[in-house]
Amino acid sequence: MAKQPHIVVVMTDQQKATAIDHYGGPVRTPNLARLGAEGLLYERAFTPHPLCVPARVSFWTGRWPHSHGARTNEIPMPRTETHLAQVLHAHGYRLGHFGKNHCFTQEDFDRYFDCVFLAGHGDVIAPGVTMVNSGPGKWPAGPRGIRRPLARVRREPPEESATYRVTERAARFLEEQASGQQPLCLWVSIPDPHTPLQVPEPYASKYPPESVPLPPWIAGELDTKPERQRVYSHLLAYDDLREDDVRLAASIYYGMIDFLDQRVGFLLDTLERLGLREDTVVVFTSDHGDYLGEHRLLGKSNAFYDCLTHVPLLLSWPGHLPTGERRPELVSTIDVMPTVLSLAGVPLPPGVQGQPLPGTPGAPPARDAIFAEYGAGGPAVTMAAAERLYPPGSEGPRPALLREREGEGRAKMVRTLGAKYTHDTLHAGAGNNTADDELYDLDADPWELTNLAGDPRRAGLLAELRLRLLDWCMETEDARPVPLFYDTARLKEIGRGAQP
């Protein structure tokens, strides 16, 4: 077999696709442009779950969250799963993890990784950080409270930030291992642009708040949406979010992306300096997106708007993959795992539900729909409970309900090129079978402002997408092979006292 390629996976945290210029956004990312010119850019890539741990476990296993079982941020990689790091380790790769984890257990790190450098988001107010408030004195902030005031770093040099240190340590691993005979796999897991929103100068000032474009808002939008979205807005006091809040948040968020793009360029330069670029598959993506003002919200929640599910995805291997191609197909980040294994010439383990990405050798026909899900079957967190515990205008930490909200229901999404449908069973039998449904005409309403689930003129489309969602649920359940009941040899063993 030909020499196996090195693999570098760069994953950012909470980066919506449409923040950057290649997806129509305002942030200039010349190094991502460089990566796209050397490979493939997927215009319509989506996360299977807009929450850190489930999305990352799906990325590394190539499986949907309901299959692997890591359904909240409290459930890391299940021991029963076969993941990319495990498979590559078994095929001779040396592995390094650099940055935010939110995926693997310590047992995984001990067994499969040769180098682990952990770095997270840090404190809300770190040393050298100057707070910048859109409304002085109005919003509380703290490690466990509402984080409406936003921070940017003024005195801390870029070299002391997590993003810099993560990429610096990854480059050192490449330098230390470049002369070895084993192929390498690096997970460069950059903690930005996740909250707390802070970034060193000069990046903090590159996108002045007054220059930030705003998404459209309509009065009472969430009144027509599932209750869980109104609960999230209430818990974080976003009901009176102002344009100045959004402009300030976006200005820092964009600066964080600008900074991490510069560090992606540093990694590409390192590969070229070491003579490894043509021997290396490079992937760039994010685990999920961010509201960043859409729907009058910030952060992320249990919803499926494109701002939360649509993520950047670029893939490059010079001399082996097409260059400079923009692919319009619907793809999922669960497709990266089988793609990487296919490029490395490694067989897929049983149960993988992703498929090689379009434009790569042997890729199957593209999907006609993409899917995502959220929740772990828990009870609903109602507005009545949220308002009772936290009356309007109240301040202070409220992590309990925010955590409980992560596990409520079994919400699922199906998205085609022109429409989106979401469904949950939280209020099944309540007399309104669209109580937790959403339906959007993405051609006419790309911002997903008007929920058409209750429109009788769209009943046919709703029924079509509901059936498509049901088909997906049925097709992806029991993904791993199970013994057939008529296996006569096994029946004889059971008859002799073996455990069934």
Protein backbone atom coordinates (compact mmCIF):
# COMPACT_ATOMS: atom_id res chain seq x y z
CA MET A 1 0.00 0.00 0.00
CA ALA A 2 1.16 3.55 -0.72
CA LYS A 3 2.48 5.59 2.15
CA GLN A 4 -0.34 6.68 4.41
CA PRO A 5 -0.91 10.43 4.63
CA HIS A 6 -0.54 12.52 7.73
CA ILE A 7 -3.83 13.98 8.97
CA VAL A 8 -4.38 17.39 10.55
CA VAL A 9 -7.91 18.16 11.76
CA VAL A 10 -8.48 21.77 12.79
CA MET A 11 -11.78 22.17 14.64
CA THR A 12 -12.96 25.49 16.00
CA ASP A 13 -15.69 25.84 18.61
CA GLN A 14 -19.05 27.48 17.90
CA GLN A 15 -18.14 29.00 14.50
CA LYS A 16 -21.11 29.57 12.22
CA ALA A 17 -20.32 29.16 8.54
CA THR A 18 -21.78 32.49 7.48
CA ALA A 19 -19.41 34.51 9.67
CA ILE A 20 -16.59 34.16 7.11
CA ASP A 21 -16.22 35.58 3.64
CA HIS A 22 -16.25 32.21 1.85
CA TYR A 23 -19.83 31.71 3.06
CA GLY A 24 -20.97 35.29 2.48
CA GLY A 25 -19.87 36.70 5.85
CA PRO A 26 -17.81 39.76 6.82
CA VAL A 27 -14.68 38.10 8.27
CA ARG A 28 -11.73 37.98 5.92
CA THR A 29 -9.98 34.61 6.19
CA PRO A 30 -7.10 34.52 3.70
CA ASN A 31 -5.62 31.34 5.15
CA LEU A 32 -8.89 29.45 4.84
CA ALA A 33 -8.99 30.79 1.28
CA ARG A 34 -5.55 29.32 0.80
CA LEU A 35 -6.77 25.98 2.14
CA GLY A 36 -9.81 26.10 -0.15
CA ALA A 37 -7.62 26.87 -3.15
CA GLU A 38 -5.65 23.72 -2.32
CA GLY A 39 -8.74 21.53 -1.97
CA LEU A 40 -12.51 21.38 -1.54
CA LEU A 41 -14.90 23.75 0.23
CA TYR A 42 -18.30 22.33 1.16
CA GLU A 43 -20.91 25.05 0.94
CA ARG A 44 -23.65 23.14 2.78
CA ALA A 45 -22.04 21.26 5.67
CA PHE A 46 -24.07 20.66 8.82
CA THR A 47 -23.44 19.40 12.33
CA PRO A 48 -25.49 16.39 13.50
CA HIS A 49 -26.06 18.04 16.89
CA PRO A 50 -25.56 21.75 17.74
CA LEU A 51 -23.90 21.05 21.11
CA CYS A 52 -20.21 20.44 21.80
CA VAL A 53 -19.87 16.87 23.10
CA PRO A 54 -22.52 15.15 20.96
CA ALA A 55 -21.22 16.91 17.84
CA ARG A 56 -17.60 15.97 18.56
CA VAL A 57 -18.37 12.34 19.39
CA SER A 58 -20.33 12.10 16.13
CA PHE A 59 -17.41 13.64 14.25
CA TRP A 60 -14.93 11.06 15.60
CA THR A 61 -17.24 8.03 15.28
CA GLY A 62 -18.99 8.89 12.02
CA ARG A 63 -22.30 8.09 13.74
CA TRP A 64 -25.49 9.93 14.63
CA PRO A 65 -25.95 10.93 18.28
CA HIS A 66 -28.90 8.59 18.80
CA SER A 67 -26.60 5.74 17.75
CA HIS A 68 -23.56 6.48 19.91
CA GLY A 69 -25.53 7.74 22.93
CA ALA A 70 -23.48 10.82 23.88
CA ARG A 71 -26.53 13.09 23.93
CA THR A 72 -25.49 15.85 26.35
CA ASN A 73 -22.30 17.64 27.35
CA GLU A 74 -22.03 15.36 30.39
CA ILE A 75 -21.62 12.14 28.34
CA PRO A 76 -18.19 11.82 26.66
CA MET A 77 -17.11 9.11 24.22
CA PRO A 78 -18.92 5.86 25.22
CA ARG A 79 -16.63 2.88 25.75
CA THR A 80 -18.63 0.84 23.25
CA GLU A 81 -17.79 3.17 20.37
CA THR A 82 -15.10 2.62 17.76
CA HIS A 83 -13.68 6.03 16.87
CA LEU A 84 -11.23 7.47 14.39
CA ALA A 85 -8.37 7.82 16.88
CA GLN A 86 -8.72 4.18 17.89
CA VAL A 87 -8.72 2.96 14.28
CA LEU A 88 -5.78 5.11 13.21
CA HIS A 89 -3.77 4.05 16.27
CA ALA A 90 -4.37 0.42 15.33
CA HIS A 91 -3.01 1.17 11.84
CA GLY A 92 0.27 2.65 13.01
CA TYR A 93 -0.53 6.34 13.45
CA ARG A 94 0.95 8.52 16.16
CA LEU A 95 -1.72 10.83 17.50
CA GLY A 96 -1.70 14.22 19.18
CA HIS A 97 -4.53 16.23 20.72
CA PHE A 98 -4.09 19.97 21.17
CA GLY A 99 -6.75 22.24 22.66
CA LYS A 100 -10.32 21.76 23.80
CA ASN A 101 -11.45 18.18 24.36
CA HIS A 102 -15.19 17.80 25.10
CA CYS A 103 -15.09 14.37 23.48
CA PHE A 104 -12.60 11.79 24.73
CA THR A 105 -12.22 10.14 28.12
CA GLN A 106 -8.92 9.95 29.96
CA GLU A 107 -8.83 6.27 29.03
CA ASP A 108 -8.94 7.25 25.34
CA PHE A 109 -6.08 9.69 25.80
CA ASP A 110 -3.99 7.10 27.66
CA ARG A 111 -4.57 4.38 25.08
CA TYR A 112 -4.48 6.13 21.73
CA PHE A 113 -2.72 9.51 21.96
CA ASP A 114 1.02 10.07 22.11
CA CYS A 115 0.74 13.73 23.07
CA VAL A 116 -2.10 15.59 24.82
CA PHE A 117 -2.14 19.37 25.39
CA LEU A 118 -5.41 20.59 26.88
CA ALA A 119 -6.65 24.18 26.69
CA GLY A 120 -10.13 25.58 27.24
CA HIS A 121 -11.99 28.87 27.18
CA GLY A 122 -10.54 30.36 30.35
CA ASP A 123 -12.29 32.67 32.75
CA VAL A 124 -14.97 35.18 31.89
CA ILE A 125 -12.66 37.96 33.06
CA ALA A 126 -9.06 36.81 32.71
CA PRO A 127 -5.95 38.80 33.70
CA GLY A 128 -5.41 41.65 31.30
CA VAL A 129 -9.02 41.74 30.09
CA THR A 130 -10.95 44.99 29.92
CA MET A 131 -14.72 44.65 29.98
CA VAL A 132 -16.61 46.42 27.20
CA ASN A 133 -20.29 46.89 27.99
CA SER A 134 -23.08 47.83 25.64
CA GLY A 135 -25.26 48.69 28.65
CA PRO A 136 -23.18 49.63 31.71
CA GLY A 137 -24.53 48.25 34.95
CA LYS A 138 -27.52 46.52 33.42
CA TRP A 139 -26.43 42.93 32.99
CA PRO A 140 -24.79 40.69 35.61
CA ALA A 141 -21.77 38.60 34.70
CA GLY A 142 -19.84 35.84 36.38
CA PRO A 143 -18.54 32.29 35.94
CA ARG A 144 -22.05 30.89 36.45
CA GLY A 145 -24.25 33.87 35.69
CA ILE A 146 -25.63 35.67 32.69
CA ARG A 147 -22.75 36.74 30.47
CA ARG A 148 -24.22 39.72 28.69
CA PRO A 149 -21.32 42.14 29.18
CA LEU A 150 -18.61 41.21 26.70
CA ALA A 151 -14.85 41.23 27.12
CA ARG A 152 -11.92 41.91 24.88
CA VAL A 153 -8.25 41.57 25.74
CA ARG A 154 -6.29 44.79 25.68
CA ARG A 155 -3.04 44.09 27.57
CA GLU A 156 -2.60 40.34 27.06
CA PRO A 157 -0.35 39.67 24.03
CA PRO A 158 -1.56 37.18 21.42
CA GLU A 159 1.19 34.75 22.47
CA GLU A 160 -0.54 34.18 25.83
CA SER A 161 -3.92 33.20 24.38
CA ALA A 162 -5.20 29.62 24.21
CA THR A 163 -5.55 29.73 20.43
CA TYR A 164 -1.89 30.71 20.02
CA ARG A 165 -0.61 28.14 22.51
CA VAL A 166 -2.68 25.32 21.01
CA THR A 167 -1.37 25.89 17.50
CA GLU A 168 2.19 26.46 18.77
CA ARG A 169 2.17 23.12 20.59
CA ALA A 170 0.70 21.34 17.56
CA ALA A 171 3.49 22.76 15.39
CA ARG A 172 6.09 21.56 17.88
CA PHE A 173 4.63 18.04 17.70
CA LEU A 174 4.97 18.14 13.91
CA GLU A 175 8.57 19.28 14.21
CA GLU A 176 9.40 16.56 16.74
CA GLN A 177 7.77 13.79 14.70
CA ALA A 178 8.43 14.89 11.11
CA SER A 179 11.50 12.69 10.66
CA GLY A 180 9.79 9.57 11.98
CA GLN A 181 8.48 6.70 9.92
CA GLN A 182 4.95 6.62 11.36
CA PRO A 183 2.09 8.67 9.93
CA LEU A 184 0.71 11.38 12.20
CA CYS A 185 -2.79 12.50 13.12
CA LEU A 186 -3.31 15.80 14.95
CA TRP A 187 -6.55 17.13 16.38
CA VAL A 188 -5.99 20.88 16.67
CA SER A 189 -9.09 21.85 18.66
CA ILE A 190 -9.14 25.66 18.86
CA PRO A 191 -11.38 26.95 21.69
CA ASP A 192 -12.44 30.10 19.78
CA PRO A 193 -14.82 31.74 18.94
CA HIS A 194 -16.82 30.25 21.83
CA THR A 195 -17.66 32.48 24.80
CA PRO A 196 -16.20 34.26 26.71
CA LEU A 197 -15.87 36.66 23.80
CA GLN A 198 -12.38 38.05 24.18
CA VAL A 199 -9.46 38.42 21.82
CA PRO A 200 -6.12 40.25 21.88
CA GLU A 201 -5.38 43.37 19.89
CA PRO A 202 -5.11 44.12 17.04
CA TYR A 203 -7.92 41.65 16.32
CA ALA A 204 -10.32 43.15 18.88
CA SER A 205 -10.54 46.37 16.87
CA LYS A 206 -10.59 44.99 13.32
CA TYR A 207 -14.38 44.82 13.12
CA PRO A 208 -15.80 47.95 14.82
CA PRO A 209 -19.28 47.41 16.25
CA GLU A 210 -20.76 50.18 14.10
CA SER A 211 -19.65 48.32 10.95
CA VAL A 212 -21.28 45.00 11.91
CA PRO A 213 -24.30 44.02 9.77
CA LEU A 214 -27.39 42.97 11.74
CA PRO A 215 -29.74 40.09 11.01
CA PRO A 216 -33.45 40.86 10.58
CA TRP A 217 -35.78 40.65 13.59
CA ILE A 218 -39.57 40.44 13.66
CA ALA A 219 -41.69 41.20 16.71
CA GLY A 220 -43.08 38.14 18.47
CA GLU A 221 -41.14 35.68 16.33
CA LEU A 222 -40.61 33.12 19.09
CA ASP A 223 -44.35 33.09 19.88
CA THR A 224 -44.80 30.85 16.84
CA LYS A 225 -41.84 28.62 17.67
CA PRO A 226 -41.44 25.65 20.07
CA GLU A 227 -41.56 26.53 23.76
CA ARG A 228 -37.95 25.47 24.34
CA GLN A 229 -36.76 28.48 22.35
CA ARG A 230 -38.76 30.92 24.48
CA VAL A 231 -37.40 29.21 27.62
CA TYR A 232 -33.83 29.76 26.43
CA SER A 233 -34.52 33.41 25.67
CA HIS A 234 -36.07 33.90 29.11
CA LEU A 235 -33.29 32.13 31.03
CA LEU A 236 -30.62 34.34 29.47
CA ALA A 237 -32.75 37.49 29.47
CA TYR A 238 -32.64 37.94 25.71
CA ASP A 239 -36.21 39.20 25.43
CA ASP A 240 -34.92 42.79 25.30
CA LEU A 241 -31.61 42.14 23.54
CA ARG A 242 -30.55 45.34 21.79
CA GLU A 243 -28.80 46.01 18.53
CA ASP A 244 -25.81 47.40 20.43
CA ASP A 245 -25.48 44.09 22.32
CA VAL A 246 -25.36 42.16 19.06
CA ARG A 247 -22.97 44.55 17.34
CA LEU A 248 -20.53 44.34 20.22
CA ALA A 249 -20.76 40.54 20.47
CA ALA A 250 -20.23 40.18 16.73
CA SER A 251 -17.28 42.57 16.65
CA ILE A 252 -15.38 40.46 19.19
CA TYR A 253 -16.56 37.14 17.69
CA TYR A 254 -15.34 38.22 14.26
CA GLY A 255 -11.99 39.29 15.71
CA MET A 256 -11.60 35.84 17.28
CA ILE A 257 -12.15 34.20 13.89
CA ASP A 258 -9.71 36.59 12.24
CA PHE A 259 -7.10 35.59 14.83
CA LEU A 260 -7.65 31.86 14.48
CA ASP A 261 -7.41 32.18 10.68
CA GLN A 262 -3.94 33.64 11.16
CA ARG A 263 -3.04 30.62 13.30
CA VAL A 264 -4.36 28.23 10.63
CA GLY A 265 -1.93 29.93 8.28
CA PHE A 266 0.86 29.30 10.80
CA LEU A 267 0.04 25.56 10.76
CA LEU A 268 -0.01 25.46 6.95
CA ASP A 269 3.35 27.26 6.90
CA THR A 270 4.73 24.71 9.36
CA LEU A 271 3.66 21.81 7.16
CA GLU A 272 5.29 23.44 4.14
CA ARG A 273 8.48 24.29 6.01
CA LEU A 274 8.82 20.67 7.13
CA GLY A 275 8.12 19.35 3.63
CA LEU A 276 4.91 17.65 4.80
CA ARG A 277 2.19 19.58 2.99
CA GLU A 278 1.79 17.26 0.00
CA ASP A 279 1.78 14.27 2.36
CA THR A 280 -0.93 15.70 4.63
CA VAL A 281 -4.72 15.66 4.58
CA VAL A 282 -5.96 18.88 6.22
CA VAL A 283 -9.54 19.27 7.45
CA PHE A 284 -11.03 22.50 8.79
CA THR A 285 -14.47 22.61 10.41
CA SER A 286 -16.37 23.54 13.57
CA ASP A 287 -18.54 21.56 15.97
CA HIS A 288 -21.58 23.86 15.65
CA GLY A 289 -22.59 27.48 15.12
CA ASP A 290 -23.86 30.48 17.09
CA TYR A 291 -26.98 32.65 16.95
CA LEU A 292 -24.89 35.83 16.99
CA GLY A 293 -28.06 37.94 17.05
CA GLU A 294 -30.26 35.87 14.75
CA HIS A 295 -33.73 35.37 16.22
CA ARG A 296 -32.76 38.00 18.82
CA LEU A 297 -30.51 35.49 20.59
CA LEU A 298 -26.83 34.89 21.32
CA GLY A 299 -24.88 31.68 21.91
CA LYS A 300 -26.46 28.32 21.15
CA SER A 301 -29.54 26.38 22.25
CA ASN A 302 -31.70 23.38 21.40
CA ALA A 303 -32.86 24.61 18.01
CA PHE A 304 -31.88 23.81 14.41
CA TYR A 305 -31.58 27.13 12.64
CA ASP A 306 -28.83 27.27 10.05
CA CYS A 307 -26.89 29.71 12.24
CA LEU A 308 -26.47 26.81 14.71
CA THR A 309 -26.15 23.83 12.37
CA HIS A 310 -24.40 25.20 9.26
CA VAL A 311 -20.62 25.00 9.76
CA PRO A 312 -17.57 25.59 7.57
CA LEU A 313 -15.93 22.49 6.11
CA LEU A 314 -12.78 22.43 3.98
CA LEU A 315 -10.74 19.40 2.91
CA SER A 316 -7.35 19.43 1.21
CA TRP A 317 -4.68 16.96 0.10
CA PRO A 318 -2.54 18.49 -2.66
CA GLY A 319 -1.94 16.17 -5.58
CA HIS A 320 -4.63 13.71 -4.48
CA LEU A 321 -7.87 15.71 -4.33
CA PRO A 322 -9.38 18.34 -6.62
CA THR A 323 -8.30 21.92 -5.92
CA GLY A 324 -10.30 25.11 -5.76
CA GLU A 325 -13.68 23.37 -5.88
CA ARG A 326 -16.80 24.61 -4.10
CA ARG A 327 -19.13 21.66 -3.55
CA PRO A 328 -22.88 22.45 -3.27
CA GLU A 329 -24.02 19.07 -1.93
CA LEU A 330 -25.61 18.55 1.49
CA VAL A 331 -23.03 16.93 3.78
CA SER A 332 -22.63 16.22 7.49
CA THR A 333 -19.58 16.40 9.70
CA ILE A 334 -20.14 12.67 10.41
CA ASP A 335 -18.86 12.23 6.84
CA VAL A 336 -15.34 13.36 7.74
CA MET A 337 -14.42 10.19 9.65
CA PRO A 338 -15.14 7.77 6.76
CA THR A 339 -13.55 10.22 4.31
CA VAL A 340 -10.29 10.36 6.25
CA LEU A 341 -10.15 6.58 6.63
CA SER A 342 -10.87 6.12 2.92
CA LEU A 343 -8.06 8.52 1.98
CA ALA A 344 -5.71 6.69 4.36
CA GLY A 345 -6.63 3.33 2.84
CA VAL A 346 -8.04 2.06 6.14
CA PRO A 347 -11.23 -0.08 6.17
CA LEU A 348 -14.26 1.39 7.93
CA PRO A 349 -15.30 -0.25 11.20
CA PRO A 350 -18.86 -1.64 11.44
CA GLY A 351 -21.65 0.78 12.20
CA VAL A 352 -20.27 3.91 10.51
CA GLN A 353 -23.21 5.98 9.27
CA GLY A 354 -21.34 8.77 7.50
CA GLN A 355 -20.15 8.43 3.93
CA PRO A 356 -17.11 9.71 1.98
CA LEU A 357 -17.51 13.35 1.03
CA PRO A 358 -18.41 14.35 -2.55
CA GLY A 359 -15.36 14.98 -4.69
CA THR A 360 -13.26 12.32 -2.97
CA PRO A 361 -12.38 8.97 -4.58
CA GLY A 362 -15.21 6.44 -4.46
CA ALA A 363 -17.73 8.83 -2.94
CA PRO A 364 -21.35 7.60 -3.23
CA PRO A 365 -24.17 9.72 -4.67
CA ALA A 366 -24.85 12.84 -2.62
CA ARG A 367 -27.65 12.94 -0.07
CA ASP A 368 -30.95 14.61 -0.89
CA ALA A 369 -31.42 15.60 2.76
CA ILE A 370 -29.40 16.17 5.91
CA PHE A 371 -30.34 15.56 9.55
CA ALA A 372 -29.63 16.77 13.07
CA GLU A 373 -30.98 16.07 16.53
CA TYR A 374 -30.95 17.35 20.11
CA GLY A 375 -31.96 16.07 23.54
CA ALA A 376 -31.87 12.81 25.47
CA GLY A 377 -35.54 12.09 26.08
CA GLY A 378 -35.83 14.17 29.24
CA PRO A 379 -38.94 16.04 30.39
CA ALA A 380 -39.81 19.47 29.08
CA VAL A 381 -38.42 22.57 30.74
CA THR A 382 -41.53 24.75 30.57
CA MET A 383 -41.93 28.51 30.54
CA ALA A 384 -44.10 28.18 33.64
CA ALA A 385 -41.21 26.54 35.54
CA ALA A 386 -38.63 28.99 34.17
CA GLU A 387 -40.72 32.03 35.14
CA ARG A 388 -41.53 30.61 38.57
CA LEU A 389 -37.87 29.98 39.40
CA TYR A 390 -36.54 33.06 37.63
CA PRO A 391 -39.18 35.79 37.38
CA PRO A 392 -38.69 38.39 34.63
CA GLY A 393 -36.02 40.88 35.66
CA SER A 394 -34.36 38.56 38.17
CA GLU A 395 -30.58 38.17 38.14
CA GLY A 396 -28.08 35.54 39.14
CA PRO A 397 -26.83 32.11 38.04
CA ARG A 398 -29.24 29.60 36.57
CA PRO A 399 -27.15 26.64 35.39
CA ALA A 400 -29.56 23.95 36.62
CA LEU A 401 -32.35 24.68 34.15
CA LEU A 402 -29.88 25.44 31.36
CA ARG A 403 -28.31 21.99 31.88
CA GLU A 404 -31.72 20.30 32.16
CA ARG A 405 -32.74 21.98 28.91
CA GLU A 406 -29.89 20.19 27.09
CA GLY A 407 -31.51 16.81 27.75
CA GLU A 408 -35.18 17.59 27.20
CA GLY A 409 -37.15 15.92 24.43
CA ARG A 410 -35.95 14.20 21.27
CA ALA A 411 -36.00 17.03 18.76
CA LYS A 412 -34.92 16.14 15.21
CA MET A 413 -34.41 18.04 11.97
CA VAL A 414 -34.51 17.18 8.28
CA ARG A 415 -33.21 19.75 5.81
CA THR A 416 -33.29 19.66 2.03
CA LEU A 417 -31.89 22.27 -0.31
CA GLY A 418 -35.09 24.33 -0.12
CA ALA A 419 -36.95 23.40 3.06
CA LYS A 420 -36.48 22.49 6.70
CA TYR A 421 -38.71 20.58 9.09
CA THR A 422 -38.15 19.95 12.81
CA HIS A 423 -40.17 17.77 15.17
CA ASP A 424 -40.23 16.81 18.82
CA THR A 425 -42.55 14.52 20.77
CA LEU A 426 -42.61 16.68 23.92
CA HIS A 427 -46.25 17.66 23.52
CA ALA A 428 -47.56 14.68 21.53
CA GLY A 429 -51.27 14.18 22.07
CA ALA A 430 -51.76 17.72 23.35
CA GLY A 431 -54.44 18.39 20.77
CA ASN A 432 -52.11 20.22 18.37
CA ASN A 433 -49.83 17.93 16.43
CA THR A 434 -47.71 20.88 15.28
CA ALA A 435 -47.05 22.23 18.79
CA ASP A 436 -43.35 21.41 18.55
CA ASP A 437 -43.04 21.45 14.77
CA GLU A 438 -41.24 23.96 12.60
CA LEU A 439 -41.38 24.24 8.82
CA TYR A 440 -39.42 26.76 6.77
CA ASP A 441 -39.31 27.67 3.12
CA LEU A 442 -35.59 28.36 2.88
CA ASP A 443 -35.81 29.91 -0.58
CA ALA A 444 -38.39 32.51 0.46
CA ASP A 445 -37.28 32.81 4.10
CA PRO A 446 -33.53 32.10 4.43
CA TRP A 447 -33.44 33.66 7.93
CA GLU A 448 -36.07 31.15 9.14
CA LEU A 449 -38.31 33.77 10.67
CA THR A 450 -41.76 32.47 9.71
CA ASN A 451 -42.82 29.05 10.97
CA LEU A 452 -45.15 27.48 8.39
CA ALA A 453 -45.91 24.29 10.31
CA GLY A 454 -49.48 25.36 11.01
CA ASP A 455 -50.19 26.68 7.50
CA PRO A 456 -52.74 24.35 5.83
CA ARG A 457 -51.36 25.32 2.42
CA ARG A 458 -48.06 23.65 3.40
CA ALA A 459 -49.63 20.46 4.76
CA GLY A 460 -48.33 18.42 1.82
CA LEU A 461 -44.74 19.58 2.28
CA LEU A 462 -44.95 19.02 6.03
CA ALA A 463 -46.22 15.47 5.53
CA GLU A 464 -43.49 14.74 2.97
CA LEU A 465 -40.70 15.93 5.27
CA ARG A 466 -42.24 14.24 8.31
CA LEU A 467 -42.13 10.92 6.42
CA ARG A 468 -38.56 11.63 5.32
CA LEU A 469 -37.59 12.21 8.96
CA LEU A 470 -39.33 9.01 10.02
CA ASP A 471 -37.55 7.04 7.30
CA TRP A 472 -34.19 8.34 8.52
CA CYS A 473 -34.98 7.38 12.12
CA MET A 474 -35.88 3.85 11.02
CA GLU A 475 -32.94 3.48 8.64
CA THR A 476 -30.37 4.53 11.24
CA GLU A 477 -31.63 2.61 14.27
CA ASP A 478 -29.75 -0.57 15.21
CA ALA A 479 -26.84 0.50 13.06
CA ARG A 480 -24.51 -2.29 14.15
CA PRO A 481 -25.00 -5.88 12.99
CA VAL A 482 -26.85 -8.17 15.41
CA PRO A 483 -26.94 -12.02 15.38
CA LEU A 484 -29.80 -13.50 13.39
CA PHE A 485 -32.30 -15.42 15.51
CA TYR A 486 -32.11 -18.38 13.16
CA ASP A 487 -28.35 -18.86 13.52
CA THR A 488 -28.56 -22.61 14.22
CA ALA A 489 -25.00 -22.88 15.55
CA ARG A 490 -25.71 -20.17 18.07
CA LEU A 491 -29.00 -21.79 19.05
CA LYS A 492 -27.15 -25.01 19.80
CA GLU A 493 -24.71 -23.12 22.03
CA ILE A 494 -27.60 -21.55 23.91
CA GLY A 495 -29.15 -24.98 24.29
CA ARG A 496 -25.94 -26.18 25.97
CA GLY A 497 -26.21 -23.41 28.54
CA ALA A 498 -24.41 -20.51 26.82
CA GLN A 499 -25.68 -17.03 27.51
CA PRO A 500 -28.05 -15.76 24.78
